[in-house]
């Protein structure tokens, strides 16, 4: 019987076993799902198979970075209870997961034996949920930050325009402050042009319906043009990093803060290339 990727994914969801192990089990059992689950249990994944129905809402987000700070990675691993998330074995596993991600390797495949051991030791449904890896390209700096003991992880890639600028301590400080901003305010995009039009349209529909409910009717179409523009701009101040109020100085936006850093230190313009915000369970 041909083993399809959908069958492998279905077995993985039912057992929390690795993709390779699921393919092996299905092949050995000629595609029989129940027999494949039994096969995996007999191979030492019984804990995952028995407890896969339990939600994994706790865990840790960990950060790993290369010595030269030109490569950084985040990894999130979930478990069922905060108690397990605080154990030495779990913490070590998540740290190792981040290091594997830093190397650009597959976490599940590389740490397969450690994963099985952790399942047995904790007796919980542990999930390697996701990872993100940034490699610096061109002139700039990377910065990483872990907030609230592993509840939130952030990566920032800040472009400087020249190699000399990247070596200025003010740039590293600015990148760190951006991490704090992202952790606190949870932006979704860097700039307004990054926001999908469909998302803006959906937001405007909600706002206009609320306005109609409040006023009884909408203003004339001619007036709506300006109203929609204002609503869209306000939405962007919430979801776009550059347009948010800077947390350390409410008189500045993040965009203006970066302009000030560049001007005060004689630097070329600073540009946020990308960022990642990884919140536990979100």
C-alpha atoms as a PDB file:
ATOM      1  CA  UNK A   1       0.000   0.000   0.000  1.00  0.00           C
ATOM      2  CA  UNK A   2       1.315   3.460  -0.909  1.00  0.00           C
ATOM      3  CA  UNK A   3       2.032   5.608   2.133  1.00  0.00           C
ATOM      4  CA  UNK A   4       0.961   9.221   1.525  1.00  0.00           C
ATOM      5  CA  UNK A   5       2.114  12.377   3.274  1.00  0.00           C
ATOM      6  CA  UNK A   6      -1.444  12.900   4.578  1.00  0.00           C
ATOM      7  CA  UNK A   7      -1.352   9.494   6.253  1.00  0.00           C
ATOM      8  CA  UNK A   8       1.982  10.337   7.841  1.00  0.00           C
ATOM      9  CA  UNK A   9       0.672  13.688   9.108  1.00  0.00           C
ATOM     10  CA  UNK A  10      -2.461  12.039  10.505  1.00  0.00           C
ATOM     11  CA  UNK A  11      -0.408   9.501  12.427  1.00  0.00           C
ATOM     12  CA  UNK A  12       1.921  12.207  13.656  1.00  0.00           C
ATOM     13  CA  UNK A  13      -1.010  14.236  14.994  1.00  0.00           C
ATOM     14  CA  UNK A  14      -2.338  11.146  16.746  1.00  0.00           C
ATOM     15  CA  UNK A  15       0.956  10.160  18.360  1.00  0.00           C
ATOM     16  CA  UNK A  16       3.325  13.167  18.376  1.00  0.00           C
ATOM     17  CA  UNK A  17       5.958  10.894  16.855  1.00  0.00           C
ATOM     18  CA  UNK A  18       8.417  12.124  14.229  1.00  0.00           C
ATOM     19  CA  UNK A  19       7.630  12.125  10.513  1.00  0.00           C
ATOM     20  CA  UNK A  20      10.268   9.480   9.830  1.00  0.00           C
ATOM     21  CA  UNK A  21       9.017   7.237  12.604  1.00  0.00           C
ATOM     22  CA  UNK A  22       5.419   7.578  11.365  1.00  0.00           C
ATOM     23  CA  UNK A  23       6.414   6.629   7.826  1.00  0.00           C
ATOM     24  CA  UNK A  24       8.311   3.619   9.141  1.00  0.00           C
ATOM     25  CA  UNK A  25       5.342   2.525  11.258  1.00  0.00           C
ATOM     26  CA  UNK A  26       2.836   2.881   8.413  1.00  0.00           C
ATOM     27  CA  UNK A  27       5.101   0.996   6.037  1.00  0.00           C
ATOM     28  CA  UNK A  28       5.601  -1.811   8.535  1.00  0.00           C
ATOM     29  CA  UNK A  29       1.849  -2.005   9.151  1.00  0.00           C
ATOM     30  CA  UNK A  30       0.814  -1.724   5.494  1.00  0.00           C
ATOM     31  CA  UNK A  31      -0.982   1.583   6.065  1.00  0.00           C
ATOM     32  CA  UNK A  32      -3.159   0.366   8.971  1.00  0.00           C
ATOM     33  CA  UNK A  33      -3.450   3.400  11.256  1.00  0.00           C
ATOM     34  CA  UNK A  34      -4.403   1.526  14.440  1.00  0.00           C
ATOM     35  CA  UNK A  35      -1.594  -0.965  13.985  1.00  0.00           C
ATOM     36  CA  UNK A  36       0.834   1.879  13.284  1.00  0.00           C
ATOM     37  CA  UNK A  37      -0.112   3.560  16.582  1.00  0.00           C
ATOM     38  CA  UNK A  38       0.492   0.255  18.357  1.00  0.00           C
ATOM     39  CA  UNK A  39       3.803  -0.125  16.525  1.00  0.00           C
ATOM     40  CA  UNK A  40       4.967   3.307  17.723  1.00  0.00           C
ATOM     41  CA  UNK A  41       3.925   2.549  21.276  1.00  0.00           C
ATOM     42  CA  UNK A  42       5.953  -0.606  21.210  1.00  0.00           C
ATOM     43  CA  UNK A  43       8.931   1.384  19.919  1.00  0.00           C
ATOM     44  CA  UNK A  44       8.890   3.641  22.965  1.00  0.00           C
ATOM     45  CA  UNK A  45       6.453   6.413  22.029  1.00  0.00           C
ATOM     46  CA  UNK A  46       3.593   5.126  24.163  1.00  0.00           C
ATOM     47  CA  UNK A  47       3.582   8.220  26.366  1.00  0.00           C
ATOM     48  CA  UNK A  48       2.978  10.524  23.417  1.00  0.00           C
ATOM     49  CA  UNK A  49       0.351   8.252  21.917  1.00  0.00           C
ATOM     50  CA  UNK A  50      -1.569   7.984  25.162  1.00  0.00           C
ATOM     51  CA  UNK A  51      -1.445  11.646  26.040  1.00  0.00           C
ATOM     52  CA  UNK A  52      -1.756  13.351  22.679  1.00  0.00           C
ATOM     53  CA  UNK A  53      -5.310  14.367  23.503  1.00  0.00           C
ATOM     54  CA  UNK A  54      -4.069  16.631  26.301  1.00  0.00           C
ATOM     55  CA  UNK A  55      -3.386  20.254  25.430  1.00  0.00           C
ATOM     56  CA  UNK A  56       0.161  21.553  25.572  1.00  0.00           C
ATOM     57  CA  UNK A  57      -0.184  25.186  26.592  1.00  0.00           C
ATOM     58  CA  UNK A  58       2.893  25.611  28.768  1.00  0.00           C
ATOM     59  CA  UNK A  59       6.550  25.524  27.806  1.00  0.00           C
ATOM     60  CA  UNK A  60       9.459  27.780  26.904  1.00  0.00           C
ATOM     61  CA  UNK A  61      10.715  29.936  24.065  1.00  0.00           C
ATOM     62  CA  UNK A  62      14.536  29.819  23.985  1.00  0.00           C
ATOM     63  CA  UNK A  63      17.155  31.891  22.162  1.00  0.00           C
ATOM     64  CA  UNK A  64      20.501  30.778  20.739  1.00  0.00           C
ATOM     65  CA  UNK A  65      23.060  33.004  19.057  1.00  0.00           C
ATOM     66  CA  UNK A  66      26.405  32.533  17.326  1.00  0.00           C
ATOM     67  CA  UNK A  67      29.522  33.994  18.942  1.00  0.00           C
ATOM     68  CA  UNK A  68      29.770  36.657  16.234  1.00  0.00           C
ATOM     69  CA  UNK A  69      26.035  37.462  16.616  1.00  0.00           C
ATOM     70  CA  UNK A  70      25.521  37.074  12.874  1.00  0.00           C
ATOM     71  CA  UNK A  71      23.180  34.129  13.305  1.00  0.00           C
ATOM     72  CA  UNK A  72      20.376  33.836  15.877  1.00  0.00           C
ATOM     73  CA  UNK A  73      17.499  31.443  16.412  1.00  0.00           C
ATOM     74  CA  UNK A  74      14.390  30.967  18.513  1.00  0.00           C
ATOM     75  CA  UNK A  75      12.712  27.675  19.363  1.00  0.00           C
ATOM     76  CA  UNK A  76       9.415  27.014  21.140  1.00  0.00           C
ATOM     77  CA  UNK A  77       8.673  23.729  22.877  1.00  0.00           C
ATOM     78  CA  UNK A  78       5.349  23.119  24.622  1.00  0.00           C
ATOM     79  CA  UNK A  79       4.301  20.874  27.482  1.00  0.00           C
ATOM     80  CA  UNK A  80       1.136  20.409  29.541  1.00  0.00           C
ATOM     81  CA  UNK A  81       2.089  21.954  32.874  1.00  0.00           C
ATOM     82  CA  UNK A  82       4.143  24.827  34.205  1.00  0.00           C
ATOM     83  CA  UNK A  83       5.732  22.385  36.640  1.00  0.00           C
ATOM     84  CA  UNK A  84       7.349  20.402  33.816  1.00  0.00           C
ATOM     85  CA  UNK A  85       8.325  23.622  32.003  1.00  0.00           C
ATOM     86  CA  UNK A  86      10.457  24.544  35.026  1.00  0.00           C
ATOM     87  CA  UNK A  87      12.290  21.222  35.295  1.00  0.00           C
ATOM     88  CA  UNK A  88      15.983  21.011  34.467  1.00  0.00           C
ATOM     89  CA  UNK A  89      15.427  18.316  31.833  1.00  0.00           C
ATOM     90  CA  UNK A  90      12.818  20.337  29.935  1.00  0.00           C
ATOM     91  CA  UNK A  91      14.812  23.566  30.080  1.00  0.00           C
ATOM     92  CA  UNK A  92      17.900  21.788  28.753  1.00  0.00           C
ATOM     93  CA  UNK A  93      15.912  20.228  25.922  1.00  0.00           C
ATOM     94  CA  UNK A  94      14.531  23.603  24.802  1.00  0.00           C
ATOM     95  CA  UNK A  95      17.986  25.186  24.975  1.00  0.00           C
ATOM     96  CA  UNK A  96      19.343  22.328  22.868  1.00  0.00           C
ATOM     97  CA  UNK A  97      16.446  22.778  20.436  1.00  0.00           C
ATOM     98  CA  UNK A  98      17.373  26.442  19.960  1.00  0.00           C
ATOM     99  CA  UNK A  99      21.011  25.484  19.361  1.00  0.00           C
ATOM    100  CA  UNK A 100      19.978  22.947  16.737  1.00  0.00           C
ATOM    101  CA  UNK A 101      17.818  25.590  15.057  1.00  0.00           C
ATOM    102  CA  UNK A 102      20.812  27.937  15.115  1.00  0.00           C
ATOM    103  CA  UNK A 103      22.751  25.366  13.101  1.00  0.00           C
ATOM    104  CA  UNK A 104      19.937  25.215  10.555  1.00  0.00           C
ATOM    105  CA  UNK A 105      19.120  21.596  11.362  1.00  0.00           C
ATOM    106  CA  UNK A 106      15.790  19.862  11.917  1.00  0.00           C
ATOM    107  CA  UNK A 107      15.101  19.838  15.657  1.00  0.00           C
ATOM    108  CA  UNK A 108      12.853  16.797  15.733  1.00  0.00           C
ATOM    109  CA  UNK A 109      15.201  14.654  13.703  1.00  0.00           C
ATOM    110  CA  UNK A 110      18.394  15.783  15.455  1.00  0.00           C
ATOM    111  CA  UNK A 111      17.047  15.450  19.006  1.00  0.00           C
ATOM    112  CA  UNK A 112      14.849  12.415  18.408  1.00  0.00           C
ATOM    113  CA  UNK A 113      16.435  10.269  21.135  1.00  0.00           C
ATOM    114  CA  UNK A 114      16.405  13.121  23.650  1.00  0.00           C
ATOM    115  CA  UNK A 115      12.774  13.797  22.759  1.00  0.00           C
ATOM    116  CA  UNK A 116      11.745  10.200  23.464  1.00  0.00           C
ATOM    117  CA  UNK A 117      13.597  10.303  26.774  1.00  0.00           C
ATOM    118  CA  UNK A 118      11.890  13.569  27.736  1.00  0.00           C
ATOM    119  CA  UNK A 119       8.464  12.083  26.975  1.00  0.00           C
ATOM    120  CA  UNK A 120       9.193   9.156  29.240  1.00  0.00           C
ATOM    121  CA  UNK A 121      10.700  11.294  31.993  1.00  0.00           C
ATOM    122  CA  UNK A 122       7.939  13.939  32.105  1.00  0.00           C
ATOM    123  CA  UNK A 123       4.927  11.770  31.278  1.00  0.00           C
ATOM    124  CA  UNK A 124       3.487  14.705  29.340  1.00  0.00           C
ATOM    125  CA  UNK A 125       2.641  15.496  25.748  1.00  0.00           C
ATOM    126  CA  UNK A 126       5.686  17.540  24.725  1.00  0.00           C
ATOM    127  CA  UNK A 127       5.537  19.309  21.354  1.00  0.00           C
ATOM    128  CA  UNK A 128       8.356  20.884  19.389  1.00  0.00           C
ATOM    129  CA  UNK A 129       6.149  23.629  18.057  1.00  0.00           C
ATOM    130  CA  UNK A 130       8.264  25.934  15.893  1.00  0.00           C
ATOM    131  CA  UNK A 131      11.580  27.655  15.332  1.00  0.00           C
ATOM    132  CA  UNK A 132      12.961  30.688  13.495  1.00  0.00           C
ATOM    133  CA  UNK A 133      16.502  31.341  12.311  1.00  0.00           C
ATOM    134  CA  UNK A 134      17.986  34.659  11.166  1.00  0.00           C
ATOM    135  CA  UNK A 135      21.300  34.941   9.324  1.00  0.00           C
ATOM    136  CA  UNK A 136      22.648  38.462   8.866  1.00  0.00           C
ATOM    137  CA  UNK A 137      23.044  39.463   5.237  1.00  0.00           C
ATOM    138  CA  UNK A 138      24.699  42.724   4.281  1.00  0.00           C
ATOM    139  CA  UNK A 139      25.447  45.528   6.735  1.00  0.00           C
ATOM    140  CA  UNK A 140      23.532  45.573   9.981  1.00  0.00           C
ATOM    141  CA  UNK A 141      23.037  43.851  13.305  1.00  0.00           C
ATOM    142  CA  UNK A 142      20.878  41.105  14.719  1.00  0.00           C
ATOM    143  CA  UNK A 143      19.425  41.263  18.191  1.00  0.00           C
ATOM    144  CA  UNK A 144      17.555  38.672  20.232  1.00  0.00           C
ATOM    145  CA  UNK A 145      15.577  38.916  23.444  1.00  0.00           C
ATOM    146  CA  UNK A 146      13.704  36.590  25.799  1.00  0.00           C
ATOM    147  CA  UNK A 147      10.919  38.124  27.890  1.00  0.00           C
ATOM    148  CA  UNK A 148       9.125  36.874  31.013  1.00  0.00           C
ATOM    149  CA  UNK A 149      11.372  33.875  31.536  1.00  0.00           C
ATOM    150  CA  UNK A 150      10.700  32.340  28.149  1.00  0.00           C
ATOM    151  CA  UNK A 151       7.099  33.366  27.524  1.00  0.00           C
ATOM    152  CA  UNK A 152       8.064  35.624  24.606  1.00  0.00           C
ATOM    153  CA  UNK A 153      11.051  35.545  22.262  1.00  0.00           C
ATOM    154  CA  UNK A 154      12.041  38.232  19.751  1.00  0.00           C
ATOM    155  CA  UNK A 155      14.501  38.519  16.855  1.00  0.00           C
ATOM    156  CA  UNK A 156      15.293  41.763  15.028  1.00  0.00           C
ATOM    157  CA  UNK A 157      17.299  42.351  11.857  1.00  0.00           C
ATOM    158  CA  UNK A 158      18.361  46.003  11.639  1.00  0.00           C
ATOM    159  CA  UNK A 159      20.048  47.308   8.475  1.00  0.00           C
ATOM    160  CA  UNK A 160      22.660  50.067   8.840  1.00  0.00           C
ATOM    161  CA  UNK A 161      23.724  50.915   5.299  1.00  0.00           C
ATOM    162  CA  UNK A 162      27.467  50.621   5.971  1.00  0.00           C
ATOM    163  CA  UNK A 163      29.835  48.281   7.824  1.00  0.00           C
ATOM    164  CA  UNK A 164      31.254  51.065   9.988  1.00  0.00           C
ATOM    165  CA  UNK A 165      27.770  52.058  11.107  1.00  0.00           C
ATOM    166  CA  UNK A 166      27.037  48.472  12.158  1.00  0.00           C
ATOM    167  CA  UNK A 167      30.004  48.555  14.553  1.00  0.00           C
ATOM    168  CA  UNK A 168      28.639  51.605  16.404  1.00  0.00           C
ATOM    169  CA  UNK A 169      27.372  50.592  19.891  1.00  0.00           C
ATOM    170  CA  UNK A 170      24.336  52.856  19.372  1.00  0.00           C
ATOM    171  CA  UNK A 171      23.091  50.524  16.659  1.00  0.00           C
ATOM    172  CA  UNK A 172      23.241  47.461  18.904  1.00  0.00           C
ATOM    173  CA  UNK A 173      21.420  49.448  21.584  1.00  0.00           C
ATOM    174  CA  UNK A 174      18.751  50.518  19.092  1.00  0.00           C
ATOM    175  CA  UNK A 175      18.248  46.925  17.963  1.00  0.00           C
ATOM    176  CA  UNK A 176      17.850  45.842  21.591  1.00  0.00           C
ATOM    177  CA  UNK A 177      15.303  48.579  22.226  1.00  0.00           C
ATOM    178  CA  UNK A 178      13.373  47.406  19.176  1.00  0.00           C
ATOM    179  CA  UNK A 179      13.254  43.941  20.748  1.00  0.00           C
ATOM    180  CA  UNK A 180      11.731  45.427  23.902  1.00  0.00           C
ATOM    181  CA  UNK A 181       9.234  47.358  21.770  1.00  0.00           C
ATOM    182  CA  UNK A 182       8.179  44.238  19.874  1.00  0.00           C
ATOM    183  CA  UNK A 183       7.874  42.166  23.039  1.00  0.00           C
ATOM    184  CA  UNK A 184       5.657  44.793  24.656  1.00  0.00           C
ATOM    185  CA  UNK A 185       3.483  45.959  21.745  1.00  0.00           C
ATOM    186  CA  UNK A 186       3.266  42.876  19.501  1.00  0.00           C
ATOM    187  CA  UNK A 187       3.370  44.480  16.049  1.00  0.00           C
ATOM    188  CA  UNK A 188       2.490  42.295  13.067  1.00  0.00           C
ATOM    189  CA  UNK A 189       4.279  44.152  10.263  1.00  0.00           C
ATOM    190  CA  UNK A 190       7.257  46.453   9.764  1.00  0.00           C
ATOM    191  CA  UNK A 191       5.653  49.142   7.558  1.00  0.00           C
ATOM    192  CA  UNK A 192       2.107  50.077   6.433  1.00  0.00           C
ATOM    193  CA  UNK A 193       2.821  48.844   2.898  1.00  0.00           C
ATOM    194  CA  UNK A 194       3.361  45.368   4.358  1.00  0.00           C
ATOM    195  CA  UNK A 195      -0.245  45.128   5.593  1.00  0.00           C
ATOM    196  CA  UNK A 196      -2.441  43.092   3.209  1.00  0.00           C
ATOM    197  CA  UNK A 197      -5.237  45.172   1.696  1.00  0.00           C
ATOM    198  CA  UNK A 198      -7.742  42.484   2.634  1.00  0.00           C
ATOM    199  CA  UNK A 199      -6.832  42.949   6.301  1.00  0.00           C
ATOM    200  CA  UNK A 200      -7.276  46.723   6.067  1.00  0.00           C
ATOM    201  CA  UNK A 201     -10.615  46.293   4.286  1.00  0.00           C
ATOM    202  CA  UNK A 202     -11.831  43.915   6.994  1.00  0.00           C
ATOM    203  CA  UNK A 203     -10.803  46.376   9.708  1.00  0.00           C
ATOM    204  CA  UNK A 204     -12.540  49.251   7.926  1.00  0.00           C
ATOM    205  CA  UNK A 205     -15.732  47.215   7.607  1.00  0.00           C
ATOM    206  CA  UNK A 206     -15.754  46.639  11.369  1.00  0.00           C
ATOM    207  CA  UNK A 207     -15.085  50.314  12.122  1.00  0.00           C
ATOM    208  CA  UNK A 208     -17.689  51.577   9.657  1.00  0.00           C
ATOM    209  CA  UNK A 209     -20.338  49.202  10.984  1.00  0.00           C
ATOM    210  CA  UNK A 210     -19.599  50.469  14.488  1.00  0.00           C
ATOM    211  CA  UNK A 211     -19.848  54.060  13.261  1.00  0.00           C
ATOM    212  CA  UNK A 212     -23.179  53.332  11.581  1.00  0.00           C
ATOM    213  CA  UNK A 213     -24.470  51.704  14.759  1.00  0.00           C
ATOM    214  CA  UNK A 214     -23.431  54.743  16.766  1.00  0.00           C
ATOM    215  CA  UNK A 215     -24.712  57.453  14.383  1.00  0.00           C
ATOM    216  CA  UNK A 216     -27.658  55.615  12.874  1.00  0.00           C
ATOM    217  CA  UNK A 217     -26.243  56.064   9.384  1.00  0.00           C
ATOM    218  CA  UNK A 218     -22.944  56.608   7.610  1.00  0.00           C
ATOM    219  CA  UNK A 219     -21.696  60.047   6.486  1.00  0.00           C
ATOM    220  CA  UNK A 220     -21.941  60.950   2.781  1.00  0.00           C
ATOM    221  CA  UNK A 221     -19.598  59.079   0.435  1.00  0.00           C
ATOM    222  CA  UNK A 222     -17.477  62.169  -0.098  1.00  0.00           C
ATOM    223  CA  UNK A 223     -16.760  62.366   3.628  1.00  0.00           C
ATOM    224  CA  UNK A 224     -16.161  58.622   3.904  1.00  0.00           C
ATOM    225  CA  UNK A 225     -13.005  58.843   1.808  1.00  0.00           C
ATOM    226  CA  UNK A 226     -11.206  60.876   4.452  1.00  0.00           C
ATOM    227  CA  UNK A 227     -12.717  58.836   7.293  1.00  0.00           C
ATOM    228  CA  UNK A 228     -11.504  55.557   5.774  1.00  0.00           C
ATOM    229  CA  UNK A 229      -8.040  57.000   5.237  1.00  0.00           C
ATOM    230  CA  UNK A 230      -7.852  58.076   8.861  1.00  0.00           C
ATOM    231  CA  UNK A 231      -9.100  54.713  10.109  1.00  0.00           C
ATOM    232  CA  UNK A 232      -6.540  52.855   7.996  1.00  0.00           C
ATOM    233  CA  UNK A 233      -3.728  55.081   9.253  1.00  0.00           C
ATOM    234  CA  UNK A 234      -4.772  54.545  12.868  1.00  0.00           C
ATOM    235  CA  UNK A 235      -4.875  50.791  12.365  1.00  0.00           C
ATOM    236  CA  UNK A 236      -1.339  50.910  11.023  1.00  0.00           C
ATOM    237  CA  UNK A 237      -0.151  52.676  14.188  1.00  0.00           C
ATOM    238  CA  UNK A 238      -1.299  49.595  16.058  1.00  0.00           C
ATOM    239  CA  UNK A 239       0.039  46.789  13.864  1.00  0.00           C
ATOM    240  CA  UNK A 240       3.073  48.344  12.120  1.00  0.00           C
ATOM    241  CA  UNK A 241       6.315  48.537  14.098  1.00  0.00           C
ATOM    242  CA  UNK A 242       7.610  51.756  12.526  1.00  0.00           C
ATOM    243  CA  UNK A 243       4.335  53.597  13.211  1.00  0.00           C
ATOM    244  CA  UNK A 244       3.887  52.520  16.830  1.00  0.00           C
ATOM    245  CA  UNK A 245       4.555  54.946  19.666  1.00  0.00           C
ATOM    246  CA  UNK A 246       8.045  54.224  20.971  1.00  0.00           C
ATOM    247  CA  UNK A 247       7.668  52.609  24.406  1.00  0.00           C
ATOM    248  CA  UNK A 248      10.641  54.419  25.947  1.00  0.00           C
ATOM    249  CA  UNK A 249       9.542  57.873  24.721  1.00  0.00           C
ATOM    250  CA  UNK A 250       5.884  58.469  23.915  1.00  0.00           C
ATOM    251  CA  UNK A 251       6.717  61.651  22.021  1.00  0.00           C
ATOM    252  CA  UNK A 252       8.395  59.577  19.304  1.00  0.00           C
ATOM    253  CA  UNK A 253       7.248  56.838  16.976  1.00  0.00           C
ATOM    254  CA  UNK A 254       9.653  53.937  16.396  1.00  0.00           C
ATOM    255  CA  UNK A 255      10.388  55.412  12.985  1.00  0.00           C
ATOM    256  CA  UNK A 256      11.312  58.775  14.515  1.00  0.00           C
ATOM    257  CA  UNK A 257      13.357  57.067  17.216  1.00  0.00           C
ATOM    258  CA  UNK A 258      15.528  55.357  14.593  1.00  0.00           C
ATOM    259  CA  UNK A 259      15.931  58.637  12.732  1.00  0.00           C
ATOM    260  CA  UNK A 260      17.088  60.269  15.963  1.00  0.00           C
ATOM    261  CA  UNK A 261      19.616  57.501  16.688  1.00  0.00           C
ATOM    262  CA  UNK A 262      21.078  57.853  13.197  1.00  0.00           C
ATOM    263  CA  UNK A 263      21.253  61.654  13.396  1.00  0.00           C
ATOM    264  CA  UNK A 264      22.712  61.780  16.936  1.00  0.00           C
ATOM    265  CA  UNK A 265      25.458  59.308  16.032  1.00  0.00           C
ATOM    266  CA  UNK A 266      26.278  60.433  12.509  1.00  0.00           C
ATOM    267  CA  UNK A 267      24.990  57.214  10.976  1.00  0.00           C
ATOM    268  CA  UNK A 268      23.365  56.344   7.691  1.00  0.00           C
ATOM    269  CA  UNK A 269      19.593  55.707   7.953  1.00  0.00           C
ATOM    270  CA  UNK A 270      18.604  52.664  10.002  1.00  0.00           C
ATOM    271  CA  UNK A 271      16.063  50.307   8.464  1.00  0.00           C
ATOM    272  CA  UNK A 272      14.210  47.409  10.054  1.00  0.00           C
ATOM    273  CA  UNK A 273      14.557  44.533   7.612  1.00  0.00           C
ATOM    274  CA  UNK A 274      12.463  42.026   9.539  1.00  0.00           C
ATOM    275  CA  UNK A 275      11.476  40.830  12.984  1.00  0.00           C
ATOM    276  CA  UNK A 276      10.032  37.762  14.646  1.00  0.00           C
ATOM    277  CA  UNK A 277       7.897  37.680  17.783  1.00  0.00           C
ATOM    278  CA  UNK A 278       7.275  34.229  19.215  1.00  0.00           C
ATOM    279  CA  UNK A 279       4.783  34.143  22.096  1.00  0.00           C
ATOM    280  CA  UNK A 280       4.253  30.926  24.005  1.00  0.00           C
ATOM    281  CA  UNK A 281       1.090  29.211  22.793  1.00  0.00           C
ATOM    282  CA  UNK A 282      -0.011  32.111  20.576  1.00  0.00           C
END
